[in-house]
N, C-alpha and C. Protein backbone atom coordinates (compact mmCIF):
# COMPACT_ATOMS: atom_id res chain seq x y z
N MET A 1 20.19 20.83 -2.96
CA MET A 1 20.44 20.54 -4.35
C MET A 1 20.99 19.13 -4.52
N LEU A 2 21.83 18.73 -3.57
CA LEU A 2 22.39 17.39 -3.62
C LEU A 2 21.28 16.35 -3.56
N LEU A 3 20.26 16.60 -2.73
CA LEU A 3 19.13 15.68 -2.63
C LEU A 3 18.45 15.50 -3.98
N ALA A 4 18.27 16.59 -4.71
CA ALA A 4 17.63 16.52 -6.02
C ALA A 4 18.47 15.69 -6.99
N ARG A 5 19.79 15.88 -6.94
CA ARG A 5 20.66 15.10 -7.83
C ARG A 5 20.64 13.63 -7.48
N GLU A 6 20.67 13.32 -6.18
CA GLU A 6 20.63 11.93 -5.75
C GLU A 6 19.30 11.30 -6.13
N SER A 7 18.21 12.04 -5.96
CA SER A 7 16.89 11.52 -6.28
C SER A 7 16.74 11.26 -7.76
N ALA A 8 17.40 12.08 -8.57
CA ALA A 8 17.28 11.93 -10.01
C ALA A 8 17.90 10.63 -10.50
N ARG A 9 18.77 10.05 -9.71
CA ARG A 9 19.40 8.79 -10.11
C ARG A 9 18.50 7.58 -9.89
N GLU A 10 17.48 7.72 -9.06
CA GLU A 10 16.58 6.61 -8.79
C GLU A 10 15.66 6.41 -10.00
N PRO A 11 15.57 5.20 -10.53
CA PRO A 11 14.76 4.99 -11.73
C PRO A 11 13.27 5.13 -11.50
N ALA A 12 12.77 4.69 -10.36
CA ALA A 12 11.32 4.75 -10.10
C ALA A 12 11.09 4.62 -8.61
N PHE A 13 9.84 4.79 -8.25
CA PHE A 13 9.46 4.71 -6.84
C PHE A 13 9.13 3.29 -6.44
N ASP A 14 9.22 3.06 -5.15
CA ASP A 14 8.69 1.84 -4.55
C ASP A 14 7.16 1.91 -4.70
N PRO A 15 6.51 0.89 -5.19
CA PRO A 15 5.06 0.95 -5.40
C PRO A 15 4.27 1.15 -4.11
N THR A 16 4.88 0.92 -2.96
CA THR A 16 4.17 1.13 -1.69
C THR A 16 4.36 2.55 -1.15
N ASP A 17 5.17 3.36 -1.82
CA ASP A 17 5.41 4.74 -1.39
C ASP A 17 4.13 5.54 -1.53
N ALA A 18 3.75 6.26 -0.48
CA ALA A 18 2.49 7.02 -0.47
C ALA A 18 2.47 8.08 -1.56
N ARG A 19 3.61 8.72 -1.83
CA ARG A 19 3.66 9.74 -2.88
C ARG A 19 3.35 9.13 -4.24
N TRP A 20 3.90 7.95 -4.46
CA TRP A 20 3.69 7.27 -5.74
C TRP A 20 2.23 6.80 -5.86
N LYS A 21 1.65 6.30 -4.76
CA LYS A 21 0.24 5.88 -4.78
C LYS A 21 -0.67 7.05 -5.15
N LEU A 22 -0.39 8.22 -4.56
CA LEU A 22 -1.20 9.40 -4.87
C LEU A 22 -1.00 9.81 -6.33
N ALA A 23 0.21 9.75 -6.82
CA ALA A 23 0.49 10.11 -8.21
C ALA A 23 -0.26 9.19 -9.18
N ILE A 24 -0.27 7.91 -8.89
CA ILE A 24 -0.98 6.96 -9.75
C ILE A 24 -2.48 7.22 -9.71
N ALA A 25 -3.01 7.45 -8.51
CA ALA A 25 -4.44 7.76 -8.38
C ALA A 25 -4.79 9.04 -9.13
N ALA A 26 -3.90 10.02 -9.07
CA ALA A 26 -4.14 11.28 -9.78
C ALA A 26 -4.13 11.07 -11.29
N GLN A 27 -3.19 10.27 -11.76
CA GLN A 27 -3.12 10.00 -13.19
C GLN A 27 -4.39 9.32 -13.69
N ARG A 28 -4.91 8.40 -12.89
CA ARG A 28 -6.15 7.70 -13.27
C ARG A 28 -7.35 8.63 -13.26
N ALA A 29 -7.32 9.66 -12.40
CA ALA A 29 -8.44 10.58 -12.28
C ALA A 29 -8.44 11.68 -13.35
N LEU A 30 -7.32 11.83 -14.03
CA LEU A 30 -7.22 12.89 -15.03
C LEU A 30 -8.15 12.63 -16.22
N GLU A 31 -8.69 13.70 -16.73
CA GLU A 31 -9.43 13.68 -18.00
C GLU A 31 -8.59 14.49 -18.97
N GLY A 32 -7.70 13.80 -19.69
CA GLY A 32 -6.69 14.50 -20.48
C GLY A 32 -5.64 15.00 -19.51
N ALA A 33 -5.52 16.34 -19.42
CA ALA A 33 -4.62 16.92 -18.44
C ALA A 33 -5.39 17.70 -17.38
N VAL A 34 -6.71 17.51 -17.36
CA VAL A 34 -7.58 18.25 -16.45
C VAL A 34 -8.01 17.35 -15.30
N LEU A 35 -7.98 17.93 -14.12
CA LEU A 35 -8.42 17.22 -12.92
C LEU A 35 -9.65 17.94 -12.39
N ALA A 36 -10.79 17.26 -12.45
CA ALA A 36 -12.05 17.86 -12.00
C ALA A 36 -11.97 18.18 -10.50
N TYR A 37 -12.72 19.20 -10.09
CA TYR A 37 -12.70 19.65 -8.71
C TYR A 37 -13.05 18.51 -7.74
N ASP A 38 -14.11 17.76 -8.05
CA ASP A 38 -14.51 16.65 -7.17
C ASP A 38 -13.40 15.61 -7.04
N GLU A 39 -12.72 15.33 -8.15
CA GLU A 39 -11.62 14.37 -8.11
C GLU A 39 -10.46 14.91 -7.28
N ARG A 40 -10.19 16.21 -7.42
CA ARG A 40 -9.12 16.83 -6.63
C ARG A 40 -9.41 16.70 -5.15
N ARG A 41 -10.65 16.99 -4.75
CA ARG A 41 -11.03 16.87 -3.33
C ARG A 41 -10.86 15.42 -2.86
N ARG A 42 -11.30 14.47 -3.68
CA ARG A 42 -11.16 13.06 -3.33
C ARG A 42 -9.70 12.68 -3.17
N LEU A 43 -8.85 13.16 -4.07
CA LEU A 43 -7.42 12.85 -4.00
C LEU A 43 -6.76 13.51 -2.78
N LEU A 44 -7.18 14.71 -2.45
CA LEU A 44 -6.63 15.38 -1.26
C LEU A 44 -7.05 14.65 0.02
N ASP A 45 -8.28 14.12 0.04
CA ASP A 45 -8.72 13.31 1.17
C ASP A 45 -7.89 12.03 1.27
N LEU A 46 -7.64 11.40 0.12
CA LEU A 46 -6.80 10.21 0.10
C LEU A 46 -5.41 10.53 0.63
N ALA A 47 -4.85 11.65 0.19
CA ALA A 47 -3.51 12.04 0.64
C ALA A 47 -3.46 12.19 2.15
N THR A 48 -4.48 12.81 2.72
CA THR A 48 -4.52 12.99 4.18
C THR A 48 -4.56 11.63 4.88
N ARG A 49 -5.35 10.71 4.34
CA ARG A 49 -5.46 9.38 4.95
C ARG A 49 -4.16 8.61 4.90
N ILE A 50 -3.35 8.82 3.87
CA ILE A 50 -2.10 8.06 3.75
C ILE A 50 -0.90 8.84 4.28
N GLY A 51 -1.17 9.98 4.93
CA GLY A 51 -0.12 10.70 5.65
C GLY A 51 0.61 11.78 4.89
N ILE A 52 0.10 12.19 3.75
CA ILE A 52 0.74 13.25 2.98
C ILE A 52 0.12 14.59 3.36
N ARG A 53 0.98 15.57 3.66
CA ARG A 53 0.49 16.91 4.01
C ARG A 53 -0.24 17.54 2.83
N PRO A 54 -1.24 18.39 3.09
CA PRO A 54 -1.99 19.02 1.98
C PRO A 54 -1.10 19.77 1.00
N PHE A 55 -0.11 20.49 1.48
CA PHE A 55 0.79 21.22 0.58
C PHE A 55 1.51 20.26 -0.36
N ASP A 56 2.07 19.18 0.21
CA ASP A 56 2.78 18.20 -0.59
C ASP A 56 1.85 17.48 -1.56
N ALA A 57 0.62 17.21 -1.12
CA ALA A 57 -0.35 16.56 -1.99
C ALA A 57 -0.67 17.43 -3.20
N ASN A 58 -0.83 18.73 -2.98
CA ASN A 58 -1.09 19.63 -4.11
C ASN A 58 0.09 19.69 -5.06
N LEU A 59 1.31 19.61 -4.53
CA LEU A 59 2.49 19.56 -5.39
C LEU A 59 2.48 18.31 -6.26
N ILE A 60 2.15 17.19 -5.66
CA ILE A 60 2.11 15.93 -6.40
C ILE A 60 1.07 16.01 -7.51
N LEU A 61 -0.10 16.54 -7.19
CA LEU A 61 -1.15 16.67 -8.21
C LEU A 61 -0.69 17.59 -9.34
N ALA A 62 -0.02 18.68 -9.01
CA ALA A 62 0.47 19.60 -10.04
C ALA A 62 1.52 18.94 -10.92
N ILE A 63 2.40 18.15 -10.32
CA ILE A 63 3.44 17.44 -11.08
C ILE A 63 2.79 16.47 -12.06
N VAL A 64 1.82 15.71 -11.58
CA VAL A 64 1.15 14.73 -12.45
C VAL A 64 0.42 15.44 -13.59
N GLN A 65 -0.28 16.53 -13.28
CA GLN A 65 -0.98 17.28 -14.32
C GLN A 65 0.00 17.86 -15.34
N ASP A 66 1.11 18.38 -14.87
CA ASP A 66 2.11 18.96 -15.77
C ASP A 66 2.67 17.90 -16.72
N ARG A 67 2.97 16.72 -16.19
CA ARG A 67 3.48 15.63 -17.04
C ARG A 67 2.44 15.23 -18.08
N ALA A 68 1.18 15.16 -17.67
CA ALA A 68 0.12 14.80 -18.62
C ALA A 68 -0.02 15.88 -19.70
N ARG A 69 0.06 17.13 -19.29
CA ARG A 69 -0.07 18.24 -20.25
C ARG A 69 1.05 18.21 -21.28
N ARG A 70 2.25 17.79 -20.85
CA ARG A 70 3.39 17.73 -21.76
C ARG A 70 3.48 16.39 -22.50
N GLY A 71 2.57 15.47 -22.19
CA GLY A 71 2.56 14.18 -22.87
C GLY A 71 3.65 13.23 -22.40
N GLU A 72 4.16 13.44 -21.19
CA GLU A 72 5.21 12.58 -20.65
C GLU A 72 4.61 11.50 -19.77
N THR A 73 5.37 10.45 -19.55
CA THR A 73 4.89 9.35 -18.71
C THR A 73 5.00 9.73 -17.23
N LEU A 74 4.25 9.03 -16.42
CA LEU A 74 4.31 9.26 -14.98
C LEU A 74 5.67 8.85 -14.43
N GLU A 75 6.29 7.84 -15.02
CA GLU A 75 7.60 7.38 -14.56
C GLU A 75 8.64 8.49 -14.70
N SER A 76 8.47 9.38 -15.66
CA SER A 76 9.43 10.48 -15.83
C SER A 76 9.33 11.49 -14.68
N ALA A 77 8.25 11.42 -13.91
CA ALA A 77 8.06 12.33 -12.78
C ALA A 77 8.72 11.82 -11.51
N ALA A 78 9.22 10.59 -11.52
CA ALA A 78 9.78 9.99 -10.29
C ALA A 78 10.87 10.86 -9.64
N PRO A 79 11.83 11.39 -10.40
CA PRO A 79 12.85 12.23 -9.73
C PRO A 79 12.27 13.49 -9.10
N THR A 80 11.27 14.07 -9.75
CA THR A 80 10.65 15.27 -9.20
C THR A 80 9.83 14.93 -7.95
N LEU A 81 9.11 13.83 -8.00
CA LEU A 81 8.32 13.41 -6.83
C LEU A 81 9.21 13.07 -5.64
N ALA A 82 10.42 12.59 -5.94
CA ALA A 82 11.34 12.20 -4.86
C ALA A 82 11.81 13.40 -4.03
N ILE A 83 11.68 14.60 -4.57
CA ILE A 83 12.09 15.80 -3.84
C ILE A 83 11.10 16.09 -2.71
N ILE A 84 9.85 15.70 -2.89
CA ILE A 84 8.82 15.93 -1.88
C ILE A 84 9.09 15.01 -0.70
N PRO A 85 9.04 15.54 0.53
CA PRO A 85 9.34 14.71 1.70
C PRO A 85 8.42 13.50 1.80
N SER A 86 8.99 12.37 2.14
CA SER A 86 8.22 11.15 2.33
C SER A 86 7.38 11.28 3.60
N PRO A 87 6.14 10.80 3.58
CA PRO A 87 5.32 10.88 4.78
C PRO A 87 5.96 10.21 5.99
N ALA A 88 6.77 9.20 5.79
CA ALA A 88 7.43 8.52 6.91
C ALA A 88 8.39 9.46 7.63
N HIS A 89 8.95 10.43 6.90
CA HIS A 89 9.90 11.36 7.49
C HIS A 89 9.23 12.57 8.11
N SER A 90 8.00 12.85 7.73
CA SER A 90 7.37 14.08 8.21
C SER A 90 6.04 13.85 8.90
N SER A 91 5.75 12.61 9.25
CA SER A 91 4.43 12.33 9.83
C SER A 91 4.32 12.88 11.25
N PRO A 92 3.13 13.32 11.64
CA PRO A 92 2.93 13.83 13.00
C PRO A 92 3.25 12.80 14.07
N ALA A 93 3.08 11.52 13.78
CA ALA A 93 3.37 10.48 14.77
C ALA A 93 4.85 10.51 15.17
N ASN A 94 5.74 10.75 14.21
CA ASN A 94 7.17 10.84 14.53
C ASN A 94 7.43 12.01 15.45
N HIS A 95 6.77 13.13 15.23
CA HIS A 95 6.95 14.31 16.07
C HIS A 95 6.38 14.07 17.46
N THR A 96 5.32 13.30 17.56
CA THR A 96 4.72 13.00 18.85
C THR A 96 5.71 12.28 19.74
N TRP A 97 6.43 11.29 19.20
CA TRP A 97 7.41 10.56 19.99
C TRP A 97 8.53 11.46 20.45
N ILE A 98 8.91 12.40 19.64
CA ILE A 98 9.96 13.35 20.04
C ILE A 98 9.48 14.17 21.23
N TRP A 99 8.26 14.67 21.15
CA TRP A 99 7.70 15.46 22.25
C TRP A 99 7.55 14.64 23.52
N VAL A 100 7.04 13.43 23.41
CA VAL A 100 6.86 12.57 24.59
C VAL A 100 8.20 12.28 25.23
N THR A 101 9.21 11.97 24.44
CA THR A 101 10.54 11.70 24.97
C THR A 101 11.11 12.94 25.66
N GLY A 102 10.98 14.09 25.03
CA GLY A 102 11.48 15.33 25.62
C GLY A 102 10.82 15.66 26.94
N ILE A 103 9.51 15.50 27.00
CA ILE A 103 8.77 15.78 28.24
C ILE A 103 9.17 14.79 29.34
N THR A 104 9.34 13.53 28.98
CA THR A 104 9.75 12.51 29.96
C THR A 104 11.14 12.83 30.53
N VAL A 105 12.06 13.19 29.67
CA VAL A 105 13.41 13.53 30.12
C VAL A 105 13.35 14.75 31.04
N ALA A 106 12.56 15.75 30.68
CA ALA A 106 12.42 16.95 31.52
C ALA A 106 11.84 16.61 32.88
N MET A 107 10.85 15.71 32.93
CA MET A 107 10.24 15.33 34.21
C MET A 107 11.25 14.59 35.09
N VAL A 108 12.03 13.72 34.51
CA VAL A 108 13.04 12.99 35.28
C VAL A 108 14.09 13.96 35.81
N ALA A 109 14.53 14.89 34.97
CA ALA A 109 15.53 15.88 35.41
C ALA A 109 14.96 16.74 36.53
N ASP A 110 13.69 17.14 36.43
CA ASP A 110 13.06 17.92 37.50
C ASP A 110 13.01 17.12 38.80
N GLY A 111 12.67 15.85 38.71
CA GLY A 111 12.63 14.99 39.90
C GLY A 111 13.98 14.88 40.56
N VAL A 112 15.02 14.73 39.76
CA VAL A 112 16.38 14.64 40.30
C VAL A 112 16.76 15.95 40.98
N LEU A 113 16.46 17.07 40.37
CA LEU A 113 16.78 18.37 40.97
C LEU A 113 16.01 18.61 42.26
N ILE A 114 14.74 18.25 42.29
CA ILE A 114 13.93 18.41 43.51
C ILE A 114 14.49 17.53 44.62
N ALA A 115 14.82 16.29 44.31
CA ALA A 115 15.40 15.38 45.29
C ALA A 115 16.73 15.93 45.80
N TRP A 116 17.54 16.49 44.93
CA TRP A 116 18.83 17.05 45.32
C TRP A 116 18.64 18.24 46.27
N ILE A 117 17.63 19.09 45.97
CA ILE A 117 17.38 20.25 46.81
C ILE A 117 16.84 19.83 48.19
N ILE A 118 15.94 18.88 48.21
CA ILE A 118 15.30 18.45 49.48
C ILE A 118 16.26 17.61 50.32
N PHE A 119 16.91 16.64 49.70
CA PHE A 119 17.73 15.70 50.45
C PHE A 119 19.23 15.99 50.37
N GLY A 120 19.60 16.93 49.53
CA GLY A 120 20.98 17.17 49.22
C GLY A 120 21.80 17.74 50.25
């Protein structure tokens, strides 16, 4: 809940933020408050390319559509969009480094234990 309150204080997104890029692309693709199926597929493909998970991408699209349906500006959605995890924090590449580091540490520890048993 604290995260939501902190996010609500931010006036707008950084224009290079992937969530904001997807939101702007979604707003441009809207026909009124309706998002055609082909446009939705295109936007979901874009989201995947820029590192946004499919679940989060669908949330962003729903937020943009809801704001359009209520006649609100996209900027008013910034606090709500900020609740969605940033791709930089949840990207698979970050998890890969964690796994590689963990495996490397385990291999070194195994080597030390084997050396201790053999030469100890």
